[in-house]
PDB file of N, CA and C in Angstrom:
ATOM      1  N   MET A   1     146.987  69.688  88.754  1.00  0.00           N
ATOM      2  CA  MET A   1     146.212  70.642  89.011  1.00  0.00           C
ATOM      3  C   MET A   1     144.940  70.256  89.426  1.00  0.00           C
ATOM      4  N   ASN A   2     144.168  71.123  90.754  1.00  0.00           N
ATOM      5  CA  ASN A   2     143.382  70.642  91.434  1.00  0.00           C
ATOM      6  C   ASN A   2     141.972  70.778  90.662  1.00  0.00           C
ATOM      7  N   HIS A   3     141.229  69.736  90.551  1.00  0.00           N
ATOM      8  CA  HIS A   3     139.917  70.218  89.693  1.00  0.00           C
ATOM      9  C   HIS A   3     138.666  70.485  90.815  1.00  0.00           C
ATOM     10  N   HIS A   4     139.077  70.361  92.121  1.00  0.00           N
ATOM     11  CA  HIS A   4     137.833  70.493  93.235  1.00  0.00           C
ATOM     12  C   HIS A   4     137.421  72.130  92.841  1.00  0.00           C
ATOM     13  N   ASN A   5     135.952  72.203  92.668  1.00  0.00           N
ATOM     14  CA  ASN A   5     135.350  73.711  92.493  1.00  0.00           C
ATOM     15  C   ASN A   5     134.557  73.469  93.921  1.00  0.00           C
ATOM     16  N   SER A   6     134.282  74.780  93.726  1.00  0.00           N
ATOM     17  CA  SER A   6     133.384  75.135  95.296  1.00  0.00           C
ATOM     18  C   SER A   6     132.012  74.876  94.761  1.00  0.00           C
ATOM     19  N   LEU A   7     131.260  74.658  95.803  1.00  0.00           N
ATOM     20  CA  LEU A   7     130.064  74.202  95.829  1.00  0.00           C
ATOM     21  C   LEU A   7     129.270  75.338  94.985  1.00  0.00           C
ATOM     22  N   PHE A   8     129.521  76.486  95.184  1.00  0.00           N
ATOM     23  CA  PHE A   8     128.596  77.604  94.279  1.00  0.00           C
ATOM     24  C   PHE A   8     129.496  77.374  92.835  1.00  0.00           C
ATOM     25  N   THR A   9     130.492  77.081  92.462  1.00  0.00           N
ATOM     26  CA  THR A   9     131.017  76.724  91.357  1.00  0.00           C
ATOM     27  C   THR A   9     130.347  75.398  90.408  1.00  0.00           C
ATOM     28  N   ARG A  10     129.904  74.893  91.470  1.00  0.00           N
ATOM     29  CA  ARG A  10     129.439  73.242  90.679  1.00  0.00           C
ATOM     30  C   ARG A  10     128.161  73.763  90.740  1.00  0.00           C
ATOM     31  N   PHE A  11     127.506  74.503  91.906  1.00  0.00           N
ATOM     32  CA  PHE A  11     125.972  74.975  91.308  1.00  0.00           C
ATOM     33  C   PHE A  11     125.519  75.892  90.187  1.00  0.00           C
ATOM     34  N   ALA A  12     126.862  76.704  90.101  1.00  0.00           N
ATOM     35  CA  ALA A  12     126.304  78.176  88.859  1.00  0.00           C
ATOM     36  C   ALA A  12     126.760  77.307  87.859  1.00  0.00           C
ATOM     37  N   LYS A  13     127.582  76.404  87.591  1.00  0.00           N
ATOM     38  CA  LYS A  13     127.905  75.313  86.275  1.00  0.00           C
ATOM     39  C   LYS A  13     126.670  74.886  85.803  1.00  0.00           C
ATOM     40  N   ALA A  14     125.955  74.028  86.985  1.00  0.00           N
ATOM     41  CA  ALA A  14     124.955  73.123  86.360  1.00  0.00           C
ATOM     42  C   ALA A  14     123.738  73.928  86.257  1.00  0.00           C
ATOM     43  N   THR A  15     123.272  74.856  86.841  1.00  0.00           N
ATOM     44  CA  THR A  15     122.395  75.716  86.678  1.00  0.00           C
ATOM     45  C   THR A  15     122.582  76.556  85.254  1.00  0.00           C
ATOM     46  N   SER A  16     123.726  77.039  85.109  1.00  0.00           N
ATOM     47  CA  SER A  16     123.872  77.535  83.700  1.00  0.00           C
ATOM     48  C   SER A  16     123.798  75.894  82.675  1.00  0.00           C
ATOM     49  N   LYS A  17     124.280  75.316  82.875  1.00  0.00           N
ATOM     50  CA  LYS A  17     123.908  74.042  81.908  1.00  0.00           C
ATOM     51  C   LYS A  17     122.427  73.885  81.580  1.00  0.00           C
ATOM     52  N   ILE A  18     121.797  74.033  82.504  1.00  0.00           N
ATOM     53  CA  ILE A  18     120.184  73.439  82.429  1.00  0.00           C
ATOM     54  C   ILE A  18     119.104  74.582  81.860  1.00  0.00           C
ATOM     55  N   ALA A  19     119.852  76.017  82.513  1.00  0.00           N
ATOM     56  CA  ALA A  19     119.226  77.400  81.904  1.00  0.00           C
ATOM     57  C   ALA A  19     119.380  77.348  80.469  1.00  0.00           C
ATOM     58  N   GLY A  20     120.680  76.780  79.823  1.00  0.00           N
ATOM     59  CA  GLY A  20     120.474  76.950  78.638  1.00  0.00           C
ATOM     60  C   GLY A  20     119.797  76.039  77.778  1.00  0.00           C
ATOM     61  N   LYS A  21     119.484  75.047  78.495  1.00  0.00           N
ATOM     62  CA  LYS A  21     118.730  74.013  77.426  1.00  0.00           C
ATOM     63  C   LYS A  21     117.695  74.152  76.749  1.00  0.00           C
ATOM     64  N   PRO A  22     117.272  74.009  75.378  1.00  0.00           N
ATOM     65  CA  PRO A  22     115.677  73.905  75.015  1.00  0.00           C
ATOM     66  C   PRO A  22     114.531  73.927  75.584  1.00  0.00           C
ATOM     67  N   ALA A  23     114.712  72.756  76.378  1.00  0.00           N
ATOM     68  CA  ALA A  23     113.428  72.301  77.243  1.00  0.00           C
ATOM     69  C   ALA A  23     113.576  73.227  78.501  1.00  0.00           C
ATOM     70  N   THR A  24     114.328  74.083  79.006  1.00  0.00           N
ATOM     71  CA  THR A  24     114.155  74.587  80.016  1.00  0.00           C
ATOM     72  C   THR A  24     113.157  75.831  79.576  1.00  0.00           C
ATOM     73  N   PHE A  25     113.598  76.479  78.300  1.00  0.00           N
ATOM     74  CA  PHE A  25     112.841  77.162  77.556  1.00  0.00           C
ATOM     75  C   PHE A  25     111.278  77.002  77.322  1.00  0.00           C
ATOM     76  N   ILE A  26     111.366  76.035  76.985  1.00  0.00           N
ATOM     77  CA  ILE A  26     109.891  75.649  76.642  1.00  0.00           C
ATOM     78  C   ILE A  26     109.310  75.635  78.032  1.00  0.00           C
ATOM     79  N   ILE A  27     109.867  74.867  79.203  1.00  0.00           N
ATOM     80  CA  ILE A  27     109.124  74.617  80.561  1.00  0.00           C
ATOM     81  C   ILE A  27     108.737  76.236  80.829  1.00  0.00           C
ATOM     82  N   ALA A  28     109.696  77.199  80.567  1.00  0.00           N
ATOM     83  CA  ALA A  28     109.221  78.658  80.862  1.00  0.00           C
ATOM     84  C   ALA A  28     108.139  79.167  80.264  1.00  0.00           C
ATOM     85  N   VAL A  29     108.337  78.854  78.856  1.00  0.00           N
ATOM     86  CA  VAL A  29     107.174  79.380  78.209  1.00  0.00           C
ATOM     87  C   VAL A  29     105.531  78.728  78.837  1.00  0.00           C
ATOM     88  N   ALA A  30     106.061  77.152  78.817  1.00  0.00           N
ATOM     89  CA  ALA A  30     104.766  76.673  79.227  1.00  0.00           C
ATOM     90  C   ALA A  30     104.054  77.331  80.761  1.00  0.00           C
ATOM     91  N   LEU A  31     104.803  77.475  81.105  1.00  0.00           N
ATOM     92  CA  LEU A  31     104.635  78.449  82.748  1.00  0.00           C
ATOM     93  C   LEU A  31     104.173  79.673  82.359  1.00  0.00           C
ATOM     94  N   VAL A  32     104.588  80.609  81.606  1.00  0.00           N
ATOM     95  CA  VAL A  32     103.634  81.590  81.202  1.00  0.00           C
ATOM     96  C   VAL A  32     102.211  81.583  80.805  1.00  0.00           C
ATOM     97  N   VAL A  33     102.296  80.674  79.788  1.00  0.00           N
ATOM     98  CA  VAL A  33     101.032  80.117  78.962  1.00  0.00           C
ATOM     99  C   VAL A  33      99.926  79.707  80.402  1.00  0.00           C
ATOM    100  N   ILE A  34     100.233  78.753  81.234  1.00  0.00           N
ATOM    101  CA  ILE A  34      99.536  78.425  81.862  1.00  0.00           C
ATOM    102  C   ILE A  34      98.947  79.468  83.282  1.00  0.00           C
ATOM    103  N   TRP A  35     100.055  80.196  83.532  1.00  0.00           N
ATOM    104  CA  TRP A  35      99.657  81.730  84.102  1.00  0.00           C
ATOM    105  C   TRP A  35      98.825  82.157  83.426  1.00  0.00           C
ATOM    106  N   GLY A  36      98.849  82.755  82.321  1.00  0.00           N
ATOM    107  CA  GLY A  36      98.153  83.655  81.559  1.00  0.00           C
ATOM    108  C   GLY A  36      96.850  82.942  81.508  1.00  0.00           C
ATOM    109  N   ALA A  37      96.619  81.596  81.311  1.00  0.00           N
ATOM    110  CA  ALA A  37      95.673  81.179  80.897  1.00  0.00           C
ATOM    111  C   ALA A  37      94.379  80.719  82.316  1.00  0.00           C
ATOM    112  N   THR A  38      95.271  80.847  83.164  1.00  0.00           N
ATOM    113  CA  THR A  38      94.717  80.964  84.734  1.00  0.00           C
ATOM    114  C   THR A  38      94.144  82.491  85.265  1.00  0.00           C
ATOM    115  N   GLY A  39      94.301  83.000  84.381  1.00  0.00           N
ATOM    116  CA  GLY A  39      93.734  84.593  84.549  1.00  0.00           C
ATOM    117  C   GLY A  39      92.241  84.855  84.648  1.00  0.00           C
ATOM    118  N   PRO A  40      91.431  84.164  84.063  1.00  0.00           N
ATOM    119  CA  PRO A  40      90.053  84.343  83.869  1.00  0.00           C
ATOM    120  C   PRO A  40      89.567  83.801  85.154  1.00  0.00           C
ATOM    121  N   VAL A  41      90.518  82.678  85.688  1.00  0.00           N
ATOM    122  CA  VAL A  41      89.650  81.841  87.057  1.00  0.00           C
ATOM    123  C   VAL A  41      90.130  82.447  88.464  1.00  0.00           C
ATOM    124  N   PHE A  42      91.382  83.635  88.033  1.00  0.00           N
ATOM    125  CA  PHE A  42      91.484  84.358  89.108  1.00  0.00           C
ATOM    126  C   PHE A  42      91.146  85.486  89.261  1.00  0.00           C
ATOM    127  N   GLY A  43      90.334  86.021  88.159  1.00  0.00           N
ATOM    128  CA  GLY A  43      89.933  87.174  87.654  1.00  0.00           C
ATOM    129  C   GLY A  43      90.848  88.491  87.641  1.00  0.00           C
ATOM    130  N   TYR A  44      91.917  88.057  87.025  1.00  0.00           N
ATOM    131  CA  TYR A  44      93.034  88.570  86.631  1.00  0.00           C
ATOM    132  C   TYR A  44      93.176  89.626  87.828  1.00  0.00           C
ATOM    133  N   SER A  45      93.227  89.188  89.082  1.00  0.00           N
ATOM    134  CA  SER A  45      93.216  90.038  90.438  1.00  0.00           C
ATOM    135  C   SER A  45      94.843  90.284  90.377  1.00  0.00           C
ATOM    136  N   ASP A  46      95.461  91.097  91.255  1.00  0.00           N
ATOM    137  CA  ASP A  46      96.327  91.633  91.345  1.00  0.00           C
ATOM    138  C   ASP A  46      97.406  90.618  92.077  1.00  0.00           C
ATOM    139  N   THR A  47      96.874  89.625  93.089  1.00  0.00           N
ATOM    140  CA  THR A  47      97.697  88.604  93.557  1.00  0.00           C
ATOM    141  C   THR A  47      97.861  87.772  92.309  1.00  0.00           C
ATOM    142  N   TRP A  48      97.070  87.350  91.604  1.00  0.00           N
ATOM    143  CA  TRP A  48      97.296  86.843  90.216  1.00  0.00           C
ATOM    144  C   TRP A  48      98.628  87.432  89.317  1.00  0.00           C
ATOM    145  N   GLN A  49      98.753  88.615  88.869  1.00  0.00           N
ATOM    146  CA  GLN A  49      99.774  89.332  88.952  1.00  0.00           C
ATOM    147  C   GLN A  49     100.979  89.456  89.289  1.00  0.00           C
ATOM    148  N   LEU A  50     100.771  89.409  90.569  1.00  0.00           N
ATOM    149  CA  LEU A  50     101.949  89.855  91.361  1.00  0.00           C
ATOM    150  C   LEU A  50     102.718  88.242  91.299  1.00  0.00           C
ATOM    151  N   VAL A  51     102.100  86.861  91.325  1.00  0.00           N
ATOM    152  CA  VAL A  51     102.640  86.225  91.286  1.00  0.00           C
ATOM    153  C   VAL A  51     103.802  85.898  89.994  1.00  0.00           C
ATOM    154  N   ILE A  52     103.669  86.140  88.894  1.00  0.00           N
ATOM    155  CA  ILE A  52     104.220  86.372  87.723  1.00  0.00           C
ATOM    156  C   ILE A  52     105.706  87.531  87.594  1.00  0.00           C
ATOM    157  N   ASN A  53     105.197  88.692  88.450  1.00  0.00           N
ATOM    158  CA  ASN A  53     105.971  89.395  88.538  1.00  0.00           C
ATOM    159  C   ASN A  53     106.957  89.396  89.334  1.00  0.00           C
ATOM    160  N   THR A  54     106.581  88.567  90.554  1.00  0.00           N
ATOM    161  CA  THR A  54     107.584  88.646  91.706  1.00  0.00           C
ATOM    162  C   THR A  54     108.220  87.234  91.375  1.00  0.00           C
ATOM    163  N   SER A  55     107.686  86.323  90.758  1.00  0.00           N
ATOM    164  CA  SER A  55     108.746  84.885  90.341  1.00  0.00           C
ATOM    165  C   SER A  55     109.820  85.739  89.263  1.00  0.00           C
ATOM    166  N   THR A  56     109.265  86.207  88.308  1.00  0.00           N
ATOM    167  CA  THR A  56     110.221  86.441  87.226  1.00  0.00           C
ATOM    168  C   THR A  56     111.570  87.512  87.676  1.00  0.00           C
ATOM    169  N   THR A  57     111.032  88.208  88.516  1.00  0.00           N
ATOM    170  CA  THR A  57     111.977  89.530  88.962  1.00  0.00           C
ATOM    171  C   THR A  57     112.917  88.420  90.071  1.00  0.00           C
ATOM    172  N   ILE A  58     112.601  87.357  90.830  1.00  0.00           N
ATOM    173  CA  ILE A  58     113.383  87.105  91.690  1.00  0.00           C
ATOM    174  C   ILE A  58     114.450  86.159  90.631  1.00  0.00           C
ATOM    175  N   ILE A  59     113.613  85.137  89.854  1.00  0.00           N
ATOM    176  CA  ILE A  59     114.530  84.250  88.761  1.00  0.00           C
ATOM    177  C   ILE A  59     115.674  84.955  88.139  1.00  0.00           C
ATOM    178  N   THR A  60     115.013  86.302  87.749  1.00  0.00           N
ATOM    179  CA  THR A  60     115.854  86.875  86.904  1.00  0.00           C
ATOM    180  C   THR A  60     117.363  87.466  87.947  1.00  0.00           C
ATOM    181  N   PHE A  61     116.966  88.056  88.978  1.00  0.00           N
ATOM    182  CA  PHE A  61     118.014  88.649  89.605  1.00  0.00           C
ATOM    183  C   PHE A  61     118.858  87.721  90.103  1.00  0.00           C
ATOM    184  N   LEU A  62     118.318  86.430  90.623  1.00  0.00           N
ATOM    185  CA  LEU A  62     119.488  85.184  90.770  1.00  0.00           C
ATOM    186  C   LEU A  62     120.385  84.850  89.623  1.00  0.00           C
ATOM    187  N   MET A  63     119.502  84.589  88.365  1.00  0.00           N
ATOM    188  CA  MET A  63     120.127  84.550  87.371  1.00  0.00           C
ATOM    189  C   MET A  63     121.218  85.179  86.661  1.00  0.00           C
ATOM    190  N   VAL A  64     121.326  86.486  87.048  1.00  0.00           N
ATOM    191  CA  VAL A  64     122.159  87.355  86.786  1.00  0.00           C
ATOM    192  C   VAL A  64     123.375  87.227  87.219  1.00  0.00           C
ATOM    193  N   PHE A  65     123.544  86.728  88.411  1.00  0.00           N
ATOM    194  CA  PHE A  65     124.809  86.245  89.061  1.00  0.00           C
ATOM    195  C   PHE A  65     125.156  85.041  88.835  1.00  0.00           C
ATOM    196  N   LEU A  66     124.445  84.168  88.772  1.00  0.00           N
ATOM    197  CA  LEU A  66     124.954  82.810  88.097  1.00  0.00           C
ATOM    198  C   LEU A  66     125.788  83.128  86.574  1.00  0.00           C
ATOM    199  N   ILE A  67     124.973  83.457  85.857  1.00  0.00           N
ATOM    200  CA  ILE A  67     125.500  83.696  84.558  1.00  0.00           C
ATOM    201  C   ILE A  67     127.221  84.443  84.474  1.00  0.00           C
ATOM    202  N   GLN A  68     126.760  85.818  85.243  1.00  0.00           N
ATOM    203  CA  GLN A  68     128.201  86.452  85.293  1.00  0.00           C
ATOM    204  C   GLN A  68     129.327  85.402  85.876  1.00  0.00           C
ATOM    205  N   ASN A  69     128.837  84.731  86.894  1.00  0.00           N
ATOM    206  CA  ASN A  69     129.989  83.725  87.400  1.00  0.00           C
ATOM    207  C   ASN A  69     130.467  82.976  86.258  1.00  0.00           C
ATOM    208  N   THR A  70     129.551  82.533  85.809  1.00  0.00           N
ATOM    209  CA  THR A  70     129.855  81.326  84.620  1.00  0.00           C
ATOM    210  C   THR A  70     130.869  82.355  83.694  1.00  0.00           C
ATOM    211  N   GLN A  71     130.316  83.365  83.057  1.00  0.00           N
ATOM    212  CA  GLN A  71     130.891  84.293  82.497  1.00  0.00           C
ATOM    213  C   GLN A  71     132.357  84.487  82.662  1.00  0.00           C
ATOM    214  N   ASN A  72     132.473  84.974  83.914  1.00  0.00           N
ATOM    215  CA  ASN A  72     134.104  85.275  85.004  1.00  0.00           C
ATOM    216  C   ASN A  72     134.434  84.064  84.198  1.00  0.00           C
ATOM    217  N   ARG A  73     134.524  83.078  84.672  1.00  0.00           N
ATOM    218  CA  ARG A  73     135.131  82.124  84.808  1.00  0.00           C
ATOM    219  C   ARG A  73     135.768  81.388  83.219  1.00  0.00           C
ATOM    220  N   ASP A  74     134.526  81.941  82.752  1.00  0.00           N
ATOM    221  CA  ASP A  74     135.163  81.438  80.904  1.00  0.00           C
ATOM    222  C   ASP A  74     135.976  82.146  80.265  1.00  0.00           C
ATOM    223  N   THR A  75     136.194  83.664  80.555  1.00  0.00           N
ATOM    224  CA  THR A  75     136.772  84.936  80.455  1.00  0.00           C
ATOM    225  C   THR A  75     138.208  84.127  80.770  1.00  0.00           C
ATOM    226  N   GLU A  76     138.100  83.906  81.980  1.00  0.00           N
ATOM    227  CA  GLU A  76     139.658  83.859  82.848  1.00  0.00           C
ATOM    228  C   GLU A  76     140.433  82.696  82.036  1.00  0.00           C
ATOM    229  N   ALA A  77     139.431  81.628  81.725  1.00  0.00           N
ATOM    230  CA  ALA A  77     140.147  80.481  81.186  1.00  0.00           C
ATOM    231  C   ALA A  77     140.292  80.349  79.651  1.00  0.00           C
ATOM    232  N   LEU A  78     139.795  81.261  78.859  1.00  0.00           N
ATOM    233  CA  LEU A  78     140.459  81.552  77.627  1.00  0.00           C
ATOM    234  C   LEU A  78     141.286  82.584  77.413  1.00  0.00           C
ATOM    235  N   GLN A  79     141.312  83.412  78.554  1.00  0.00           N
ATOM    236  CA  GLN A  79     142.692  84.238  78.670  1.00  0.00           C
ATOM    237  C   GLN A  79     143.725  83.395  78.872  1.00  0.00           C
ATOM    238  N   VAL A  80     143.915  82.828  79.768  1.00  0.00           N
ATOM    239  CA  VAL A  80     144.753  81.871  80.070  1.00  0.00           C
ATOM    240  C   VAL A  80     145.437  80.805  79.180  1.00  0.00           C
ATOM    241  N   LYS A  81     144.563  80.496  78.091  1.00  0.00           N
ATOM    242  CA  LYS A  81     144.603  79.607  76.980  1.00  0.00           C
ATOM    243  C   LYS A  81     145.400  80.514  75.912  1.00  0.00           C
ATOM    244  N   LEU A  82     144.823  81.913  76.055  1.00  0.00           N
ATOM    245  CA  LEU A  82     145.642  82.786  74.759  1.00  0.00           C
ATOM    246  C   LEU A  82     146.772  83.130  75.275  1.00  0.00           C
ATOM    247  N   ASP A  83     146.994  83.331  76.588  1.00  0.00           N
ATOM    248  CA  ASP A  83     148.352  83.787  76.953  1.00  0.00           C
ATOM    249  C   ASP A  83     149.312  82.059  76.652  1.00  0.00           C
ATOM    250  N   GLU A  84     148.887  81.525  77.168  1.00  0.00           N
ATOM    251  CA  GLU A  84     149.862  80.299  76.690  1.00  0.00           C
ATOM    252  C   GLU A  84     149.812  80.065  75.015  1.00  0.00           C
ATOM    253  N   ILE A  85     149.256  80.168  74.316  1.00  0.00           N
ATOM    254  CA  ILE A  85     149.614  80.131  72.901  1.00  0.00           C
ATOM    255  C   ILE A  85     150.573  81.531  72.448  1.00  0.00           C
ATOM    256  N   ILE A  86     150.252  82.578  73.303  1.00  0.00           N
ATOM    257  CA  ILE A  86     151.021  83.830  72.577  1.00  0.00           C
ATOM    258  C   ILE A  86     152.379  83.564  73.133  1.00  0.00           C
ATOM    259  N   ARG A  87     152.670  83.044  74.544  1.00  0.00           N
ATOM    260  CA  ARG A  87     153.981  82.579  75.539  1.00  0.00           C
ATOM    261  C   ARG A  87     154.524  81.446  74.588  1.00  0.00           C
ATOM    262  N   SER A  88     154.020  80.447  73.909  1.00  0.00           N
ATOM    263  CA  SER A  88     154.794  79.379  73.335  1.00  0.00           C
ATOM    264  C   SER A  88     155.317  79.747  71.975  1.00  0.00           C
ATOM    265  N   ILE A  89     154.694  81.016  71.229  1.00  0.00           N
ATOM    266  CA  ILE A  89     155.322  81.416  69.577  1.00  0.00           C
ATOM    267  C   ILE A  89     156.321  82.077  69.872  1.00  0.00           C
ATOM    268  N   GLU A  90     157.392  81.838  69.420  1.00  0.00           N
ATOM    269  CA  GLU A  90     158.923  82.177  69.659  1.00  0.00           C
ATOM    270  C   GLU A  90     158.486  84.034  69.285  1.00  0.00           C
ATOM    271  N   GLU A  91     158.020  84.122  68.070  1.00  0.00           N
ATOM    272  CA  GLU A  91     157.926  85.419  67.586  1.00  0.00           C
ATOM    273  C   GLU A  91     157.089  86.534  68.259  1.00  0.00           C
ATOM    274  N   ALA A  92     156.287  85.580  69.008  1.00  0.00           N
ATOM    275  CA  ALA A  92     155.209  86.764  69.732  1.00  0.00           C
ATOM    276  C   ALA A  92     155.629  87.581  70.860  1.00  0.00           C
ATOM    277  N   ARG A  93     155.028  88.644  70.779  1.00  0.00           N
ATOM    278  CA  ARG A  93     155.378  89.709  71.698  1.00  0.00           C
ATOM    279  C   ARG A  93     154.936  89.080  73.064  1.00  0.00           C
ATOM    280  N   ASN A  94     155.593  88.801  74.280  1.00  0.00           N
ATOM    281  CA  ASN A  94     155.333  88.483  75.509  1.00  0.00           C
ATOM    282  C   ASN A  94     154.598  89.707  76.281  1.00  0.00           C
ATOM    283  N   GLU A  95     155.236  90.643  76.265  1.00  0.00           N
ATOM    284  CA  GLU A  95     154.338  92.025  76.532  1.00  0.00           C
ATOM    285  C   GLU A  95     152.802  92.219  76.698  1.00  0.00           C
ATOM    286  N   VAL A  96     152.670  91.444  75.578  1.00  0.00           N
ATOM    287  CA  VAL A  96     150.757  91.298  75.626  1.00  0.00           C
ATOM    288  C   VAL A  96     149.914  90.275  76.302  1.00  0.00           C
ATOM    289  N   LEU A  97     150.665  89.657  77.083  1.00  0.00           N
ATOM    290  CA  LEU A  97     150.031  88.352  77.870  1.00  0.00           C
ATOM    291  C   LEU A  97     148.925  88.929  78.839  1.00  0.00           C
ATOM    292  N   ASP A  98     149.625  90.025  79.375  1.00  0.00           N
ATOM    293  CA  ASP A  98     148.568  90.448  80.476  1.00  0.00           C
ATOM    294  C   ASP A  98     147.583  92.082  79.958  1.00  0.00           C
ATOM    295  N   LEU A  99     147.299  91.897  78.719  1.00  0.00           N
ATOM    296  CA  LEU A  99     146.772  93.059  78.187  1.00  0.00           C
ATOM    297  C   LEU A  99     145.280  93.508  79.193  1.00  0.00           C
ATOM    298  N   GLU A 100     144.607  92.764  79.795  1.00  0.00           N
ATOM    299  CA  GLU A 100     143.604  92.423  80.182  1.00  0.00           C
ATOM    300  C   GLU A 100     143.877  93.355  81.421  1.00  0.00           C
ATOM    301  N   GLU A 101     145.097  93.456  81.975  1.00  0.00           N
ATOM    302  CA  GLU A 101     145.342  93.993  83.280  1.00  0.00           C
ATOM    303  C   GLU A 101     145.967  95.723  83.078  1.00  0.00           C
ATOM    304  N   LEU A 102     145.632  96.138  81.679  1.00  0.00           N
ATOM    305  CA  LEU A 102     145.804  97.319  81.407  1.00  0.00           C
ATOM    306  C   LEU A 102     144.975  98.361  81.580  1.00  0.00           C
ATOM    307  N   ASP A 103     145.297  99.514  81.509  1.00  0.00           N
ATOM    308  CA  ASP A 103     144.006 100.642  81.939  1.00  0.00           C
ATOM    309  C   ASP A 103     143.590 100.979  80.001  1.00  0.00           C
ATOM    310  N   GLU A 104     142.531 101.477  80.347  1.00  0.00           N
ATOM    311  CA  GLU A 104     141.840 101.763  78.737  1.00  0.00           C
ATOM    312  C   GLU A 104     143.271 102.611  78.239  1.00  0.00           C
ATOM    313  N   LYS A 105     143.510 103.731  78.390  1.00  0.00           N
ATOM    314  CA  LYS A 105     144.643 104.570  77.229  1.00  0.00           C
ATOM    315  C   LYS A 105     145.715 103.212  76.839  1.00  0.00           C
ATOM    316  N   ASP A 106     146.245 102.487  77.857  1.00  0.00           N
ATOM    317  CA  ASP A 106     147.404 101.756  77.354  1.00  0.00           C
ATOM    318  C   ASP A 106     146.929 100.464  76.125  1.00  0.00           C
ATOM    319  N   LEU A 107     145.664 100.104  76.571  1.00  0.00           N
ATOM    320  CA  LEU A 107     145.097  99.422  75.551  1.00  0.00           C
ATOM    321  C   LEU A 107     144.709 100.106  74.191  1.00  0.00           C
ATOM    322  N   ASP A 108     144.347 101.257  74.513  1.00  0.00           N
ATOM    323  CA  ASP A 108     143.967 102.180  73.182  1.00  0.00           C
ATOM    324  C   ASP A 108     145.844 102.339  72.307  1.00  0.00           C
ATOM    325  N   ASP A 109     146.554 102.695  73.173  1.00  0.00           N
ATOM    326  CA  ASP A 109     147.868 102.953  72.381  1.00  0.00           C
ATOM    327  C   ASP A 109     148.179 101.250  71.568  1.00  0.00           C
ATOM    328  N   ILE A 110     148.190 100.247  72.151  1.00  0.00           N
ATOM    329  CA  ILE A 110     148.457  99.103  71.818  1.00  0.00           C
ATOM    330  C   ILE A 110     147.513  98.469  70.723  1.00  0.00           C
ATOM    331  N   ARG A 111     146.255  98.994  70.620  1.00  0.00           N
ATOM    332  CA  ARG A 111     145.451  98.677  69.543  1.00  0.00           C
ATOM    333  C   ARG A 111     145.781  99.582  68.445  1.00  0.00           C
ATOM    334  N   ASP A 112     146.156 100.895  68.397  1.00  0.00           N
ATOM    335  CA  ASP A 112     146.350 101.536  67.526  1.00  0.00           C
ATOM    336  C   ASP A 112     147.775 101.200  66.714  1.00  0.00           C
ATOM    337  N   GLU A 113     148.716 100.600  67.435  1.00  0.00           N
ATOM    338  CA  GLU A 113     150.105  99.730  67.131  1.00  0.00           C
ATOM    339  C   GLU A 113     149.594  98.888  66.345  1.00  0.00           C
ATOM    340  N   TYR A 114     148.562  97.889  66.579  1.00  0.00           N
ATOM    341  CA  TYR A 114     148.134  97.109  65.876  1.00  0.00           C
ATOM    342  C   TYR A 114     147.560  97.215  64.461  1.00  0.00           C
ATOM    343  N   ILE A 115     146.392  98.295  64.301  1.00  0.00           N
ATOM    344  CA  ILE A 115     145.911  98.764  63.428  1.00  0.00           C
ATOM    345  C   ILE A 115     146.713  99.303  62.497  1.00  0.00           C
ATOM    346  N   GLN A 116     148.009 100.012  62.713  1.00  0.00           N
ATOM    347  CA  GLN A 116     148.938 100.505  62.173  1.00  0.00           C
ATOM    348  C   GLN A 116     149.533  99.249  61.147  1.00  0.00           C
ATOM    349  N   LEU A 117     149.832  97.930  62.062  1.00  0.00           N
ATOM    350  CA  LEU A 117     150.345  97.060  61.357  1.00  0.00           C
ATOM    351  C   LEU A 117     149.385  96.561  60.338  1.00  0.00           C
ATOM    352  N   ALA A 118     147.937  96.440  60.674  1.00  0.00           N
ATOM    353  CA  ALA A 118     147.264  95.779  60.023  1.00  0.00           C
ATOM    354  C   ALA A 118     147.184  96.856  58.710  1.00  0.00           C
ATOM    355  N   ASP A 119     147.170  98.078  58.602  1.00  0.00           N
ATOM    356  CA  ASP A 119     147.071  98.719  57.785  1.00  0.00           C
ATOM    357  C   ASP A 119     148.098  98.681  56.492  1.00  0.00           C
ATOM    358  N   SER A 120     149.738  98.386  57.375  1.00  0.00           N
ATOM    359  CA  SER A 120     150.756  98.700  56.463  1.00  0.00           C
ATOM    360  C   SER A 120     150.734  97.090  55.849  1.00  0.00           C
ATOM    361  N   ALA A 121     150.032  95.866  56.519  1.00  0.00           N
ATOM    362  CA  ALA A 121     150.180  94.813  56.008  1.00  0.00           C
ATOM    363  C   ALA A 121     149.099  94.639  54.406  1.00  0.00           C
ATOM    364  N   ARG A 122     147.961  95.552  54.835  1.00  0.00           N
ATOM    365  CA  ARG A 122     147.148  95.500  53.613  1.00  0.00           C
ATOM    366  C   ARG A 122     147.699  96.183  52.643  1.00  0.00           C
ATOM    367  N   SER A 123     148.332  97.598  52.619  1.00  0.00           N
ATOM    368  CA  SER A 123     148.712  98.443  51.631  1.00  0.00           C
ATOM    369  C   SER A 123     149.558  97.497  50.656  1.00  0.00           C
ATOM    370  N   LYS A 124     150.636  96.799  51.487  1.00  0.00           N
ATOM    371  CA  LYS A 124     151.631  95.845  50.885  1.00  0.00           C
ATOM    372  C   LYS A 124     151.085  94.664  50.054  1.00  0.00           C
ATOM    373  N   GLY A 125     149.640  94.475  50.368  1.00  0.00           N
ATOM    374  CA  GLY A 125     149.032  93.523  49.738  1.00  0.00           C
ATOM    375  C   GLY A 125     148.350  93.694  48.481  1.00  0.00           C
ATOM    376  N   GLU A 126     148.170  94.906  48.146  1.00  0.00           N
ATOM    377  CA  GLU A 126     147.746  95.779  47.245  1.00  0.00           C
ATOM    378  C   GLU A 126     148.215  95.307  46.190  1.00  0.00           C
TER     379      GLU A 126
END
C-alpha cells in the first residue's frame, strides 16, 4: 500500500493537528486580547479594526478548505473500514457496501427497510 501523501495532504494534516491543540486556541485568544488592548494606543482607528477583521477572515477562509480536506479523507477512510467489516461478515448484505453513492430516494427506501426491521425486533422483544 502506498503511504506517500501529496504535499497538500501532509500540509492539511499537520495544520489540522496544530489547529486542534489547546495551545493554538490559547494563542488565538491571546492575540485577540493583545489586539483589543492596543485599541487605545491606535485610537480605535479604522486600520486597527481592519487588522483583526482581515486577519480573521483570511484565516477562516483558508481553514475551511483545510478542515474540509481532512474531513473528506477521514470520512473516506471510515467508509472503507465499514465496507470491509460488512464484506467480512458472512450474513451481511453486500449490496449496502456503497450506500454513499446512492441518491436520496434510494437511501430513504433502504433506511425505511431498516426502520421496519428495528421496529419488528423491538416488538418481538416486548
